[in-house]
């Protein structure tokens, strides 16, 4: 059986989770208390349309992730591992800024 699903949605979820992790880390670093953290997250989102788009893209396709995981090829597995590494490295460098 040929793989037909791909890993587009799963990759988008990985990218969005990385962007969200950085955003939350920076928000909690600059704020005290839950309300200030929420306000800081909202402020960062207002100046980051690419993060909003990444979150929207991930949310739109998240229901496809389980099916993509069931249909993985070995090559796609390696692609996802590389994507996770890329996201982790990107998050690390953004947090250090």
N, C-alpha and C. Protein backbone atom coordinates (compact mmCIF):
# COMPACT_ATOMS: atom_id res chain seq x y z
N UNK A 1 0.84 -1.18 0.00
CA UNK A 1 0.00 0.00 0.00
C UNK A 1 0.88 1.24 0.00
N UNK A 2 0.64 2.11 -0.92
CA UNK A 2 1.44 3.33 -1.04
C UNK A 2 1.01 4.36 -0.01
N UNK A 3 1.99 5.08 0.50
CA UNK A 3 1.71 6.16 1.45
C UNK A 3 1.10 7.33 0.69
N UNK A 4 -0.04 7.77 1.15
CA UNK A 4 -0.72 8.86 0.47
C UNK A 4 -0.93 10.08 1.33
N UNK A 5 -0.73 9.98 2.61
CA UNK A 5 -1.06 11.07 3.52
C UNK A 5 0.03 12.13 3.62
N UNK A 6 1.26 11.72 3.70
CA UNK A 6 2.33 12.68 3.93
C UNK A 6 2.41 13.08 5.39
N UNK A 7 3.16 14.15 5.65
CA UNK A 7 3.36 14.61 7.04
C UNK A 7 3.16 16.11 7.18
N UNK A 8 2.48 16.72 6.23
CA UNK A 8 2.30 18.18 6.23
C UNK A 8 1.67 18.68 7.53
N UNK A 9 0.58 18.06 7.94
CA UNK A 9 -0.14 18.54 9.12
C UNK A 9 0.69 18.33 10.39
N UNK A 10 1.36 17.20 10.47
CA UNK A 10 2.20 16.91 11.64
C UNK A 10 3.35 17.91 11.73
N UNK A 11 3.95 18.22 10.61
CA UNK A 11 5.04 19.20 10.59
C UNK A 11 4.53 20.58 11.00
N UNK A 12 3.35 20.95 10.54
CA UNK A 12 2.77 22.24 10.93
C UNK A 12 2.51 22.29 12.43
N UNK A 13 2.07 21.18 13.02
CA UNK A 13 1.84 21.15 14.47
C UNK A 13 3.18 21.30 15.19
N UNK A 14 4.21 20.62 14.74
CA UNK A 14 5.54 20.78 15.36
C UNK A 14 6.01 22.23 15.30
N UNK A 15 5.87 22.86 14.14
CA UNK A 15 6.28 24.26 13.99
C UNK A 15 5.49 25.18 14.91
N UNK A 16 4.19 24.95 14.98
CA UNK A 16 3.34 25.79 15.82
C UNK A 16 3.66 25.61 17.31
N UNK A 17 3.90 24.38 17.71
CA UNK A 17 4.23 24.13 19.12
C UNK A 17 5.55 24.80 19.49
N UNK A 18 6.50 24.80 18.57
CA UNK A 18 7.75 25.50 18.84
C UNK A 18 7.54 26.99 18.98
N UNK A 19 6.76 27.57 18.06
CA UNK A 19 6.47 29.00 18.13
C UNK A 19 5.74 29.35 19.40
N UNK A 20 4.79 28.50 19.79
CA UNK A 20 4.03 28.75 21.01
C UNK A 20 4.90 28.61 22.25
N UNK A 21 5.79 27.65 22.25
CA UNK A 21 6.70 27.47 23.39
C UNK A 21 7.57 28.71 23.60
N UNK A 22 8.10 29.25 22.53
CA UNK A 22 8.92 30.46 22.62
C UNK A 22 8.09 31.63 23.12
N UNK A 23 6.91 31.77 22.57
CA UNK A 23 6.04 32.87 22.95
C UNK A 23 5.69 32.80 24.44
N UNK A 24 5.31 31.63 24.93
CA UNK A 24 4.96 31.47 26.34
C UNK A 24 6.18 31.68 27.23
N UNK A 25 7.32 31.15 26.82
CA UNK A 25 8.55 31.35 27.60
C UNK A 25 8.87 32.83 27.76
N UNK A 26 8.83 33.55 26.65
CA UNK A 26 9.14 34.99 26.71
C UNK A 26 8.09 35.74 27.53
N UNK A 27 6.84 35.34 27.43
CA UNK A 27 5.76 36.01 28.16
C UNK A 27 5.93 35.81 29.66
N UNK A 28 6.20 34.61 30.09
CA UNK A 28 6.32 34.36 31.52
C UNK A 28 7.60 34.97 32.08
N UNK A 29 8.60 35.13 31.23
CA UNK A 29 9.86 35.73 31.67
C UNK A 29 9.69 37.23 31.95
N UNK A 30 8.78 37.86 31.19
CA UNK A 30 8.59 39.31 31.29
C UNK A 30 7.39 39.71 32.13
N UNK A 31 6.72 38.77 32.78
CA UNK A 31 5.48 39.11 33.48
C UNK A 31 5.39 38.36 34.80
N UNK A 32 4.59 38.93 35.70
CA UNK A 32 4.30 38.28 36.97
C UNK A 32 2.80 38.01 37.03
N UNK A 33 2.46 36.79 37.32
CA UNK A 33 1.05 36.43 37.44
C UNK A 33 0.42 36.06 36.12
N UNK A 34 -0.67 35.32 36.24
CA UNK A 34 -1.34 34.78 35.07
C UNK A 34 -1.90 35.88 34.17
N UNK A 35 -2.48 36.90 34.75
CA UNK A 35 -3.06 37.97 33.92
C UNK A 35 -1.99 38.70 33.12
N UNK A 36 -0.87 38.97 33.74
CA UNK A 36 0.21 39.64 33.02
C UNK A 36 0.80 38.75 31.94
N UNK A 37 0.89 37.47 32.23
CA UNK A 37 1.39 36.53 31.22
C UNK A 37 0.45 36.51 30.03
N UNK A 38 -0.85 36.43 30.29
CA UNK A 38 -1.84 36.46 29.21
C UNK A 38 -1.76 37.73 28.40
N UNK A 39 -1.59 38.87 29.08
CA UNK A 39 -1.47 40.15 28.38
C UNK A 39 -0.19 40.19 27.54
N UNK A 40 0.87 39.64 28.07
CA UNK A 40 2.15 39.61 27.33
C UNK A 40 2.04 38.71 26.09
N UNK A 41 1.36 37.57 26.24
CA UNK A 41 1.16 36.68 25.09
C UNK A 41 0.35 37.41 24.02
N UNK A 42 -0.72 38.08 24.43
CA UNK A 42 -1.56 38.82 23.47
C UNK A 42 -0.74 39.90 22.78
N UNK A 43 0.10 40.60 23.53
CA UNK A 43 0.93 41.65 22.95
C UNK A 43 1.91 41.07 21.92
N UNK A 44 2.53 39.95 22.25
CA UNK A 44 3.46 39.32 21.33
C UNK A 44 2.76 38.81 20.07
N UNK A 45 1.55 38.29 20.23
CA UNK A 45 0.80 37.81 19.07
C UNK A 45 0.42 38.95 18.13
N UNK A 46 0.14 40.12 18.70
CA UNK A 46 -0.25 41.25 17.86
C UNK A 46 0.87 41.72 16.95
N UNK A 47 2.11 41.47 17.34
CA UNK A 47 3.24 41.88 16.50
C UNK A 47 3.86 40.69 15.75
N UNK A 48 3.19 39.55 15.80
CA UNK A 48 3.74 38.36 15.17
C UNK A 48 2.69 37.62 14.35
N UNK A 49 2.33 38.19 13.19
CA UNK A 49 1.32 37.51 12.36
C UNK A 49 1.76 36.13 11.89
N UNK A 50 3.06 35.90 11.77
CA UNK A 50 3.53 34.58 11.35
C UNK A 50 3.24 33.52 12.42
N UNK A 51 3.29 33.90 13.69
CA UNK A 51 2.95 32.95 14.76
C UNK A 51 1.46 32.65 14.73
N UNK A 52 0.66 33.68 14.54
CA UNK A 52 -0.79 33.48 14.45
C UNK A 52 -1.11 32.54 13.28
N UNK A 53 -0.46 32.75 12.15
CA UNK A 53 -0.72 31.90 10.98
C UNK A 53 -0.26 30.47 11.24
N UNK A 54 0.89 30.31 11.89
CA UNK A 54 1.37 28.96 12.20
C UNK A 54 0.40 28.23 13.13
N UNK A 55 -0.12 28.93 14.13
CA UNK A 55 -1.10 28.33 15.04
C UNK A 55 -2.40 27.98 14.31
N UNK A 56 -2.84 28.87 13.43
CA UNK A 56 -4.06 28.63 12.66
C UNK A 56 -3.88 27.42 11.74
N UNK A 57 -2.76 27.36 11.03
CA UNK A 57 -2.51 26.24 10.12
C UNK A 57 -2.48 24.91 10.89
N UNK A 58 -1.84 24.92 12.06
CA UNK A 58 -1.76 23.70 12.87
C UNK A 58 -3.15 23.30 13.36
N UNK A 59 -3.92 24.26 13.84
CA UNK A 59 -5.26 23.95 14.34
C UNK A 59 -6.16 23.43 13.23
N UNK A 60 -6.03 24.00 12.04
CA UNK A 60 -6.86 23.57 10.92
C UNK A 60 -6.63 22.11 10.54
N UNK A 61 -5.42 21.61 10.71
CA UNK A 61 -5.11 20.26 10.26
C UNK A 61 -4.81 19.26 11.35
N UNK A 62 -4.99 19.65 12.60
CA UNK A 62 -4.56 18.77 13.69
C UNK A 62 -5.29 17.42 13.72
N UNK A 63 -6.51 17.38 13.22
CA UNK A 63 -7.25 16.12 13.21
C UNK A 63 -6.63 15.09 12.27
N UNK A 64 -5.79 15.55 11.34
CA UNK A 64 -5.14 14.64 10.39
C UNK A 64 -3.88 13.99 10.95
N UNK A 65 -3.37 14.51 12.06
CA UNK A 65 -2.09 14.02 12.60
C UNK A 65 -2.14 12.53 12.95
N UNK A 66 -3.16 12.03 13.66
CA UNK A 66 -3.16 10.58 13.95
C UNK A 66 -3.11 9.71 12.68
N UNK A 67 -3.84 10.10 11.66
CA UNK A 67 -3.82 9.33 10.41
C UNK A 67 -2.44 9.41 9.75
N UNK A 68 -1.81 10.59 9.80
CA UNK A 68 -0.46 10.71 9.24
C UNK A 68 0.52 9.82 10.01
N UNK A 69 0.37 9.75 11.33
CA UNK A 69 1.28 8.92 12.13
C UNK A 69 1.11 7.44 11.82
N UNK A 70 -0.11 7.01 11.56
CA UNK A 70 -0.37 5.60 11.23
C UNK A 70 0.17 5.24 9.85
N UNK A 71 0.37 6.22 9.00
CA UNK A 71 0.74 6.00 7.60
C UNK A 71 2.20 6.37 7.31
N UNK A 72 3.02 6.52 8.35
CA UNK A 72 4.40 6.98 8.16
C UNK A 72 5.26 5.98 7.40
N UNK A 73 6.06 6.52 6.51
CA UNK A 73 7.12 5.72 5.89
C UNK A 73 8.40 5.96 6.69
N UNK A 74 9.41 5.18 6.43
CA UNK A 74 10.68 5.37 7.12
C UNK A 74 11.25 6.76 6.79
N UNK A 75 11.15 7.15 5.53
CA UNK A 75 11.65 8.47 5.14
C UNK A 75 10.92 9.60 5.85
N UNK A 76 9.61 9.45 5.98
CA UNK A 76 8.84 10.49 6.69
C UNK A 76 9.21 10.54 8.16
N UNK A 77 9.50 9.38 8.73
CA UNK A 77 9.94 9.34 10.13
C UNK A 77 11.21 10.15 10.29
N UNK A 78 12.16 9.96 9.39
CA UNK A 78 13.41 10.73 9.44
C UNK A 78 13.14 12.22 9.23
N UNK A 79 12.23 12.54 8.32
CA UNK A 79 11.86 13.94 8.09
C UNK A 79 11.29 14.58 9.36
N UNK A 80 10.45 13.84 10.07
CA UNK A 80 9.86 14.37 11.31
C UNK A 80 10.91 14.54 12.40
N UNK A 81 11.82 13.60 12.50
CA UNK A 81 12.91 13.73 13.47
C UNK A 81 13.74 14.97 13.15
N UNK A 82 14.04 15.18 11.88
CA UNK A 82 14.80 16.36 11.47
C UNK A 82 14.01 17.63 11.75
N UNK A 83 12.69 17.60 11.50
CA UNK A 83 11.85 18.77 11.77
C UNK A 83 11.82 19.08 13.25
N UNK A 84 11.71 18.04 14.08
CA UNK A 84 11.70 18.26 15.53
C UNK A 84 13.04 18.86 15.99
N UNK A 85 14.13 18.38 15.43
CA UNK A 85 15.44 18.95 15.75
C UNK A 85 15.55 20.40 15.33
N UNK A 86 15.04 20.69 14.14
CA UNK A 86 15.06 22.07 13.64
C UNK A 86 14.24 22.98 14.54
N UNK A 87 13.07 22.52 14.94
CA UNK A 87 12.20 23.32 15.83
C UNK A 87 12.89 23.54 17.17
N UNK A 88 13.49 22.49 17.72
CA UNK A 88 14.18 22.61 19.00
C UNK A 88 15.34 23.61 18.92
N UNK A 89 16.12 23.53 17.85
CA UNK A 89 17.24 24.46 17.67
C UNK A 89 16.75 25.89 17.50
N UNK A 90 15.70 26.06 16.76
CA UNK A 90 15.12 27.39 16.55
C UNK A 90 14.61 27.96 17.86
N UNK A 91 13.89 27.14 18.62
CA UNK A 91 13.38 27.60 19.91
C UNK A 91 14.53 28.00 20.84
N UNK A 92 15.55 27.18 20.87
CA UNK A 92 16.69 27.45 21.72
C UNK A 92 17.36 28.78 21.37
N UNK A 93 17.55 29.02 20.08
CA UNK A 93 18.20 30.27 19.68
C UNK A 93 17.29 31.48 19.93
N UNK A 94 15.98 31.33 19.75
CA UNK A 94 15.06 32.43 20.00
C UNK A 94 14.97 32.75 21.49
N UNK A 95 15.02 31.73 22.32
CA UNK A 95 14.94 31.95 23.77
C UNK A 95 16.20 32.64 24.28
N UNK A 96 17.34 32.37 23.65
CA UNK A 96 18.59 32.99 24.07
C UNK A 96 18.67 34.46 23.73
N UNK A 97 17.85 34.90 22.77
CA UNK A 97 17.90 36.31 22.32
C UNK A 97 17.50 37.26 23.42
